[in-house]
Amino acid sequence: MNLRAHLQTVFTQSFLSLYPELQEDGFMAELTQSTQSSFGHYQCNSAMKLAKRLRMAPQKIAQAVIEKVKETTGEQLTKVE
């Protein structure tokens, strides 16, 4: 498994753990290569796309997912924000 696929799995599992209702649609986190190096190697914009559906601020969704990813990966990732 390559790094991008692994990260997509980690982020998808984190979203589904926090928001189980997403399982109904076969949700997969959208992970893309960053267009700006200041954003790191990859970015996930799924929180923004899910804000209306979950009726939550995208920042709140993103922060919860970040915490879950950190909890799941431990020290495997050097920086998640």
PDB file of N, CA and C in Angstrom:
ATOM      1  N   MET A   1       0.858  -1.184   0.000  1.00  0.00           N
ATOM      2  CA  MET A   1       0.000   0.000   0.000  1.00  0.00           C
ATOM      3  C   MET A   1       0.899   1.239   0.000  1.00  0.00           C
ATOM      4  N   ASN A   2       0.590   2.192  -0.864  1.00  0.00           N
ATOM      5  CA  ASN A   2       1.390   3.419  -0.894  1.00  0.00           C
ATOM      6  C   ASN A   2       0.929   4.395   0.193  1.00  0.00           C
ATOM      7  N   LEU A   3       1.717   5.423   0.408  1.00  0.00           N
ATOM      8  CA  LEU A   3       1.442   6.381   1.482  1.00  0.00           C
ATOM      9  C   LEU A   3       0.090   7.061   1.309  1.00  0.00           C
ATOM     10  N   ARG A   4      -0.215   7.499   0.117  1.00  0.00           N
ATOM     11  CA  ARG A   4      -1.489   8.198  -0.121  1.00  0.00           C
ATOM     12  C   ARG A   4      -2.678   7.297   0.209  1.00  0.00           C
ATOM     13  N   ALA A   5      -2.627   6.060  -0.225  1.00  0.00           N
ATOM     14  CA  ALA A   5      -3.712   5.117   0.057  1.00  0.00           C
ATOM     15  C   ALA A   5      -3.826   4.854   1.557  1.00  0.00           C
ATOM     16  N   HIS A   6      -2.688   4.743   2.223  1.00  0.00           N
ATOM     17  CA  HIS A   6      -2.703   4.522   3.672  1.00  0.00           C
ATOM     18  C   HIS A   6      -3.339   5.711   4.396  1.00  0.00           C
ATOM     19  N   LEU A   7      -2.936   6.924   4.009  1.00  0.00           N
ATOM     20  CA  LEU A   7      -3.503   8.116   4.638  1.00  0.00           C
ATOM     21  C   LEU A   7      -4.995   8.245   4.353  1.00  0.00           C
ATOM     22  N   GLN A   8      -5.406   7.899   3.144  1.00  0.00           N
ATOM     23  CA  GLN A   8      -6.829   7.960   2.821  1.00  0.00           C
ATOM     24  C   GLN A   8      -7.611   6.990   3.705  1.00  0.00           C
ATOM     25  N   THR A   9      -7.059   5.822   3.938  1.00  0.00           N
ATOM     26  CA  THR A   9      -7.709   4.843   4.815  1.00  0.00           C
ATOM     27  C   THR A   9      -7.794   5.373   6.244  1.00  0.00           C
ATOM     28  N   VAL A  10      -6.707   5.943   6.740  1.00  0.00           N
ATOM     29  CA  VAL A  10      -6.685   6.484   8.103  1.00  0.00           C
ATOM     30  C   VAL A  10      -7.714   7.597   8.259  1.00  0.00           C
ATOM     31  N   PHE A  11      -7.753   8.514   7.302  1.00  0.00           N
ATOM     32  CA  PHE A  11      -8.707   9.625   7.388  1.00  0.00           C
ATOM     33  C   PHE A  11     -10.149   9.134   7.238  1.00  0.00           C
ATOM     34  N   THR A  12     -10.382   8.207   6.327  1.00  0.00           N
ATOM     35  CA  THR A  12     -11.734   7.660   6.155  1.00  0.00           C
ATOM     36  C   THR A  12     -12.203   6.998   7.439  1.00  0.00           C
ATOM     37  N   GLN A  13     -11.366   6.179   8.033  1.00  0.00           N
ATOM     38  CA  GLN A  13     -11.728   5.497   9.287  1.00  0.00           C
ATOM     39  C   GLN A  13     -11.979   6.496  10.409  1.00  0.00           C
ATOM     40  N   SER A  14     -11.207   7.571  10.442  1.00  0.00           N
ATOM     41  CA  SER A  14     -11.404   8.599  11.467  1.00  0.00           C
ATOM     42  C   SER A  14     -12.746   9.295  11.291  1.00  0.00           C
ATOM     43  N   PHE A  15     -13.076   9.682  10.057  1.00  0.00           N
ATOM     44  CA  PHE A  15     -14.379  10.294   9.795  1.00  0.00           C
ATOM     45  C   PHE A  15     -15.508   9.348  10.180  1.00  0.00           C
ATOM     46  N   LEU A  16     -15.409   8.081   9.774  1.00  0.00           N
ATOM     47  CA  LEU A  16     -16.484   7.117  10.046  1.00  0.00           C
ATOM     48  C   LEU A  16     -16.622   6.819  11.524  1.00  0.00           C
ATOM     49  N   SER A  17     -15.528   6.829  12.239  1.00  0.00           N
ATOM     50  CA  SER A  17     -15.574   6.604  13.683  1.00  0.00           C
ATOM     51  C   SER A  17     -16.309   7.742  14.383  1.00  0.00           C
ATOM     52  N   LEU A  18     -16.064   8.955  13.936  1.00  0.00           N
ATOM     53  CA  LEU A  18     -16.691  10.132  14.538  1.00  0.00           C
ATOM     54  C   LEU A  18     -18.114  10.369  14.052  1.00  0.00           C
ATOM     55  N   TYR A  19     -18.364  10.036  12.799  1.00  0.00           N
ATOM     56  CA  TYR A  19     -19.663  10.308  12.175  1.00  0.00           C
ATOM     57  C   TYR A  19     -20.165   9.043  11.468  1.00  0.00           C
ATOM     58  N   PRO A  20     -20.654   8.064  12.232  1.00  0.00           N
ATOM     59  CA  PRO A  20     -21.052   6.771  11.656  1.00  0.00           C
ATOM     60  C   PRO A  20     -22.138   6.867  10.589  1.00  0.00           C
ATOM     61  N   GLU A  21     -22.901   7.935  10.584  1.00  0.00           N
ATOM     62  CA  GLU A  21     -23.958   8.087   9.578  1.00  0.00           C
ATOM     63  C   GLU A  21     -23.386   8.181   8.161  1.00  0.00           C
ATOM     64  N   LEU A  22     -22.113   8.474   8.039  1.00  0.00           N
ATOM     65  CA  LEU A  22     -21.470   8.560   6.730  1.00  0.00           C
ATOM     66  C   LEU A  22     -21.307   7.186   6.078  1.00  0.00           C
ATOM     67  N   GLN A  23     -21.390   6.129   6.871  1.00  0.00           N
ATOM     68  CA  GLN A  23     -21.248   4.775   6.337  1.00  0.00           C
ATOM     69  C   GLN A  23     -22.356   4.430   5.357  1.00  0.00           C
ATOM     70  N   GLU A  24     -23.509   5.035   5.520  1.00  0.00           N
ATOM     71  CA  GLU A  24     -24.659   4.749   4.662  1.00  0.00           C
ATOM     72  C   GLU A  24     -24.364   5.002   3.186  1.00  0.00           C
ATOM     73  N   ASP A  25     -23.520   5.995   2.920  1.00  0.00           N
ATOM     74  CA  ASP A  25     -23.227   6.381   1.537  1.00  0.00           C
ATOM     75  C   ASP A  25     -21.911   5.821   1.017  1.00  0.00           C
ATOM     76  N   GLY A  26     -21.248   4.992   1.814  1.00  0.00           N
ATOM     77  CA  GLY A  26     -19.947   4.474   1.388  1.00  0.00           C
ATOM     78  C   GLY A  26     -18.894   5.568   1.348  1.00  0.00           C
ATOM     79  N   PHE A  27     -18.913   6.441   2.327  1.00  0.00           N
ATOM     80  CA  PHE A  27     -18.015   7.600   2.382  1.00  0.00           C
ATOM     81  C   PHE A  27     -16.545   7.197   2.303  1.00  0.00           C
ATOM     82  N   MET A  28     -15.785   7.967   1.523  1.00  0.00           N
ATOM     83  CA  MET A  28     -14.327   7.867   1.471  1.00  0.00           C
ATOM     84  C   MET A  28     -13.772   9.290   1.579  1.00  0.00           C
ATOM     85  N   ALA A  29     -12.830   9.487   2.474  1.00  0.00           N
ATOM     86  CA  ALA A  29     -12.205  10.806   2.597  1.00  0.00           C
ATOM     87  C   ALA A  29     -11.477  11.146   1.300  1.00  0.00           C
ATOM     88  N   GLU A  30     -11.551  12.399   0.916  1.00  0.00           N
ATOM     89  CA  GLU A  30     -10.867  12.856  -0.295  1.00  0.00           C
ATOM     90  C   GLU A  30      -9.499  13.402   0.096  1.00  0.00           C
ATOM     91  N   LEU A  31      -8.478  12.723  -0.330  1.00  0.00           N
ATOM     92  CA  LEU A  31      -7.109  13.126  -0.031  1.00  0.00           C
ATOM     93  C   LEU A  31      -6.419  13.461  -1.343  1.00  0.00           C
ATOM     94  N   THR A  32      -5.874  14.665  -1.424  1.00  0.00           N
ATOM     95  CA  THR A  32      -5.197  15.084  -2.647  1.00  0.00           C
ATOM     96  C   THR A  32      -3.807  15.608  -2.312  1.00  0.00           C
ATOM     97  N   GLN A  33      -2.968  15.628  -3.316  1.00  0.00           N
ATOM     98  CA  GLN A  33      -1.644  16.206  -3.135  1.00  0.00           C
ATOM     99  C   GLN A  33      -1.809  17.714  -3.022  1.00  0.00           C
ATOM    100  N   SER A  34      -1.136  18.319  -2.061  1.00  0.00           N
ATOM    101  CA  SER A  34      -1.240  19.762  -1.852  1.00  0.00           C
ATOM    102  C   SER A  34      -0.680  20.526  -3.033  1.00  0.00           C
ATOM    103  N   THR A  35      -1.339  21.610  -3.355  1.00  0.00           N
ATOM    104  CA  THR A  35      -0.863  22.450  -4.449  1.00  0.00           C
ATOM    105  C   THR A  35       0.149  23.477  -3.956  1.00  0.00           C
ATOM    106  N   GLN A  36       0.184  23.682  -2.639  1.00  0.00           N
ATOM    107  CA  GLN A  36       1.138  24.620  -2.042  1.00  0.00           C
ATOM    108  C   GLN A  36       1.952  23.880  -0.987  1.00  0.00           C
ATOM    109  N   SER A  37       3.253  24.003  -1.059  1.00  0.00           N
ATOM    110  CA  SER A  37       4.123  23.281  -0.123  1.00  0.00           C
ATOM    111  C   SER A  37       3.890  23.707   1.325  1.00  0.00           C
ATOM    112  N   SER A  38       3.365  24.908   1.534  1.00  0.00           N
ATOM    113  CA  SER A  38       3.100  25.366   2.901  1.00  0.00           C
ATOM    114  C   SER A  38       2.002  24.543   3.573  1.00  0.00           C
ATOM    115  N   PHE A  39       1.209  23.809   2.779  1.00  0.00           N
ATOM    116  CA  PHE A  39       0.147  22.961   3.321  1.00  0.00           C
ATOM    117  C   PHE A  39       0.608  21.525   3.545  1.00  0.00           C
ATOM    118  N   GLY A  40       1.866  21.241   3.298  1.00  0.00           N
ATOM    119  CA  GLY A  40       2.377  19.887   3.466  1.00  0.00           C
ATOM    120  C   GLY A  40       2.269  19.095   2.174  1.00  0.00           C
ATOM    121  N   HIS A  41       2.379  17.793   2.288  1.00  0.00           N
ATOM    122  CA  HIS A  41       2.375  16.929   1.108  1.00  0.00           C
ATOM    123  C   HIS A  41       0.956  16.604   0.625  1.00  0.00           C
ATOM    124  N   TYR A  42       0.039  16.414   1.579  1.00  0.00           N
ATOM    125  CA  TYR A  42      -1.336  16.035   1.235  1.00  0.00           C
ATOM    126  C   TYR A  42      -2.323  16.903   2.004  1.00  0.00           C
ATOM    127  N   GLN A  43      -3.522  17.005   1.459  1.00  0.00           N
ATOM    128  CA  GLN A  43      -4.585  17.723   2.153  1.00  0.00           C
ATOM    129  C   GLN A  43      -5.889  16.972   1.993  1.00  0.00           C
ATOM    130  N   CYS A  44      -6.750  17.146   2.992  1.00  0.00           N
ATOM    131  CA  CYS A  44      -8.060  16.498   2.992  1.00  0.00           C
ATOM    132  C   CYS A  44      -9.102  17.599   3.174  1.00  0.00           C
ATOM    133  N   ASN A  45      -9.938  17.789   2.173  1.00  0.00           N
ATOM    134  CA  ASN A  45     -10.952  18.847   2.217  1.00  0.00           C
ATOM    135  C   ASN A  45     -12.352  18.306   2.515  1.00  0.00           C
ATOM    136  N   SER A  46     -12.425  17.092   2.987  1.00  0.00           N
ATOM    137  CA  SER A  46     -13.730  16.463   3.227  1.00  0.00           C
ATOM    138  C   SER A  46     -14.556  17.191   4.273  1.00  0.00           C
ATOM    139  N   ALA A  47     -13.927  17.788   5.267  1.00  0.00           N
ATOM    140  CA  ALA A  47     -14.677  18.496   6.312  1.00  0.00           C
ATOM    141  C   ALA A  47     -15.501  19.625   5.708  1.00  0.00           C
ATOM    142  N   MET A  48     -14.912  20.317   4.778  1.00  0.00           N
ATOM    143  CA  MET A  48     -15.614  21.426   4.124  1.00  0.00           C
ATOM    144  C   MET A  48     -16.841  20.915   3.362  1.00  0.00           C
ATOM    145  N   LYS A  49     -16.671  19.811   2.671  1.00  0.00           N
ATOM    146  CA  LYS A  49     -17.763  19.254   1.877  1.00  0.00           C
ATOM    147  C   LYS A  49     -18.869  18.648   2.743  1.00  0.00           C
ATOM    148  N   LEU A  50     -18.534  18.214   3.955  1.00  0.00           N
ATOM    149  CA  LEU A  50     -19.508  17.566   4.825  1.00  0.00           C
ATOM    150  C   LEU A  50     -20.203  18.522   5.790  1.00  0.00           C
ATOM    151  N   ALA A  51     -19.754  19.752   5.878  1.00  0.00           N
ATOM    152  CA  ALA A  51     -20.280  20.697   6.866  1.00  0.00           C
ATOM    153  C   ALA A  51     -21.796  20.855   6.796  1.00  0.00           C
ATOM    154  N   LYS A  52     -22.319  21.047   5.630  1.00  0.00           N
ATOM    155  CA  LYS A  52     -23.768  21.242   5.491  1.00  0.00           C
ATOM    156  C   LYS A  52     -24.523  19.971   5.884  1.00  0.00           C
ATOM    157  N   ARG A  53     -24.035  18.849   5.397  1.00  0.00           N
ATOM    158  CA  ARG A  53     -24.710  17.577   5.685  1.00  0.00           C
ATOM    159  C   ARG A  53     -24.714  17.249   7.182  1.00  0.00           C
ATOM    160  N   LEU A  54     -23.587  17.505   7.844  1.00  0.00           N
ATOM    161  CA  LEU A  54     -23.484  17.199   9.272  1.00  0.00           C
ATOM    162  C   LEU A  54     -24.003  18.333  10.155  1.00  0.00           C
ATOM    163  N   ARG A  55     -24.319  19.465   9.510  1.00  0.00           N
ATOM    164  CA  ARG A  55     -24.817  20.644  10.217  1.00  0.00           C
ATOM    165  C   ARG A  55     -23.845  21.086  11.317  1.00  0.00           C
ATOM    166  N   MET A  56     -22.596  21.158  10.910  1.00  0.00           N
ATOM    167  CA  MET A  56     -21.522  21.572  11.816  1.00  0.00           C
ATOM    168  C   MET A  56     -20.566  22.476  11.052  1.00  0.00           C
ATOM    169  N   ALA A  57     -19.852  23.292  11.786  1.00  0.00           N
ATOM    170  CA  ALA A  57     -18.825  24.131  11.161  1.00  0.00           C
ATOM    171  C   ALA A  57     -17.696  23.235  10.645  1.00  0.00           C
ATOM    172  N   PRO A  58     -17.191  23.519   9.450  1.00  0.00           N
ATOM    173  CA  PRO A  58     -16.120  22.685   8.915  1.00  0.00           C
ATOM    174  C   PRO A  58     -14.881  22.652   9.811  1.00  0.00           C
ATOM    175  N   GLN A  59     -14.603  23.756  10.499  1.00  0.00           N
ATOM    176  CA  GLN A  59     -13.451  23.797  11.394  1.00  0.00           C
ATOM    177  C   GLN A  59     -13.623  22.814  12.551  1.00  0.00           C
ATOM    178  N   LYS A  60     -14.846  22.700  13.048  1.00  0.00           N
ATOM    179  CA  LYS A  60     -15.118  21.779  14.159  1.00  0.00           C
ATOM    180  C   LYS A  60     -14.968  20.326  13.692  1.00  0.00           C
ATOM    181  N   ILE A  61     -15.459  20.029  12.512  1.00  0.00           N
ATOM    182  CA  ILE A  61     -15.318  18.685  11.937  1.00  0.00           C
ATOM    183  C   ILE A  61     -13.840  18.370  11.745  1.00  0.00           C
ATOM    184  N   ALA A  62     -13.118  19.301  11.123  1.00  0.00           N
ATOM    185  CA  ALA A  62     -11.698  19.093  10.843  1.00  0.00           C
ATOM    186  C   ALA A  62     -10.906  18.880  12.125  1.00  0.00           C
ATOM    187  N   GLN A  63     -11.179  19.662  13.151  1.00  0.00           N
ATOM    188  CA  GLN A  63     -10.442  19.529  14.405  1.00  0.00           C
ATOM    189  C   GLN A  63     -10.700  18.167  15.044  1.00  0.00           C
ATOM    190  N   ALA A  64     -11.933  17.705  15.010  1.00  0.00           N
ATOM    191  CA  ALA A  64     -12.257  16.387  15.573  1.00  0.00           C
ATOM    192  C   ALA A  64     -11.529  15.285  14.798  1.00  0.00           C
ATOM    193  N   VAL A  65     -11.500  15.405  13.486  1.00  0.00           N
ATOM    194  CA  VAL A  65     -10.818  14.402  12.655  1.00  0.00           C
ATOM    195  C   VAL A  65      -9.313  14.441  12.905  1.00  0.00           C
ATOM    196  N   ILE A  66      -8.744  15.628  13.025  1.00  0.00           N
ATOM    197  CA  ILE A  66      -7.312  15.746  13.314  1.00  0.00           C
ATOM    198  C   ILE A  66      -6.971  15.034  14.618  1.00  0.00           C
ATOM    199  N   GLU A  67      -7.769  15.267  15.640  1.00  0.00           N
ATOM    200  CA  GLU A  67      -7.519  14.621  16.930  1.00  0.00           C
ATOM    201  C   GLU A  67      -7.618  13.101  16.810  1.00  0.00           C
ATOM    202  N   LYS A  68      -8.598  12.629  16.064  1.00  0.00           N
ATOM    203  CA  LYS A  68      -8.776  11.191  15.872  1.00  0.00           C
ATOM    204  C   LYS A  68      -7.612  10.595  15.090  1.00  0.00           C
ATOM    205  N   VAL A  69      -7.163  11.287  14.060  1.00  0.00           N
ATOM    206  CA  VAL A  69      -6.026  10.808  13.268  1.00  0.00           C
ATOM    207  C   VAL A  69      -4.781  10.730  14.144  1.00  0.00           C
ATOM    208  N   LYS A  70      -4.540  11.762  14.946  1.00  0.00           N
ATOM    209  CA  LYS A  70      -3.385  11.759  15.846  1.00  0.00           C
ATOM    210  C   LYS A  70      -3.466  10.598  16.827  1.00  0.00           C
ATOM    211  N   GLU A  71      -4.655  10.358  17.362  1.00  0.00           N
ATOM    212  CA  GLU A  71      -4.879   9.255  18.300  1.00  0.00           C
ATOM    213  C   GLU A  71      -4.606   7.912  17.621  1.00  0.00           C
ATOM    214  N   THR A  72      -5.032   7.781  16.390  1.00  0.00           N
ATOM    215  CA  THR A  72      -4.900   6.532  15.640  1.00  0.00           C
ATOM    216  C   THR A  72      -3.469   6.255  15.199  1.00  0.00           C
ATOM    217  N   THR A  73      -2.787   7.297  14.730  1.00  0.00           N
ATOM    218  CA  THR A  73      -1.469   7.086  14.144  1.00  0.00           C
ATOM    219  C   THR A  73      -0.322   7.215  15.136  1.00  0.00           C
ATOM    220  N   GLY A  74      -0.582   7.788  16.287  1.00  0.00           N
ATOM    221  CA  GLY A  74       0.491   7.968  17.255  1.00  0.00           C
ATOM    222  C   GLY A  74       1.582   8.850  16.679  1.00  0.00           C
ATOM    223  N   GLU A  75       2.788   8.330  16.617  1.00  0.00           N
ATOM    224  CA  GLU A  75       3.916   9.112  16.122  1.00  0.00           C
ATOM    225  C   GLU A  75       4.279   8.777  14.685  1.00  0.00           C
ATOM    226  N   GLN A  76       3.403   8.090  13.969  1.00  0.00           N
ATOM    227  CA  GLN A  76       3.688   7.757  12.563  1.00  0.00           C
ATOM    228  C   GLN A  76       3.754   8.998  11.689  1.00  0.00           C
ATOM    229  N   LEU A  77       2.952  10.004  12.012  1.00  0.00           N
ATOM    230  CA  LEU A  77       2.931  11.241  11.232  1.00  0.00           C
ATOM    231  C   LEU A  77       3.597  12.348  12.042  1.00  0.00           C
ATOM    232  N   THR A  78       4.430  13.129  11.388  1.00  0.00           N
ATOM    233  CA  THR A  78       5.129  14.179  12.114  1.00  0.00           C
ATOM    234  C   THR A  78       4.259  15.402  12.377  1.00  0.00           C
ATOM    235  N   LYS A  79       3.298  15.653  11.484  1.00  0.00           N
ATOM    236  CA  LYS A  79       2.461  16.837  11.654  1.00  0.00           C
ATOM    237  C   LYS A  79       1.112  16.641  10.982  1.00  0.00           C
ATOM    238  N   VAL A  80       0.050  16.891  11.730  1.00  0.00           N
ATOM    239  CA  VAL A  80      -1.303  16.841  11.180  1.00  0.00           C
ATOM    240  C   VAL A  80      -1.996  18.098  11.655  1.00  0.00           C
ATOM    241  N   GLU A  81      -2.482  18.896  10.704  1.00  0.00           N
ATOM    242  CA  GLU A  81      -3.187  20.131  11.087  1.00  0.00           C
ATOM    243  C   GLU A  81      -4.264  20.466  10.107  1.00  0.00           C
TER     244      GLU A  81
END
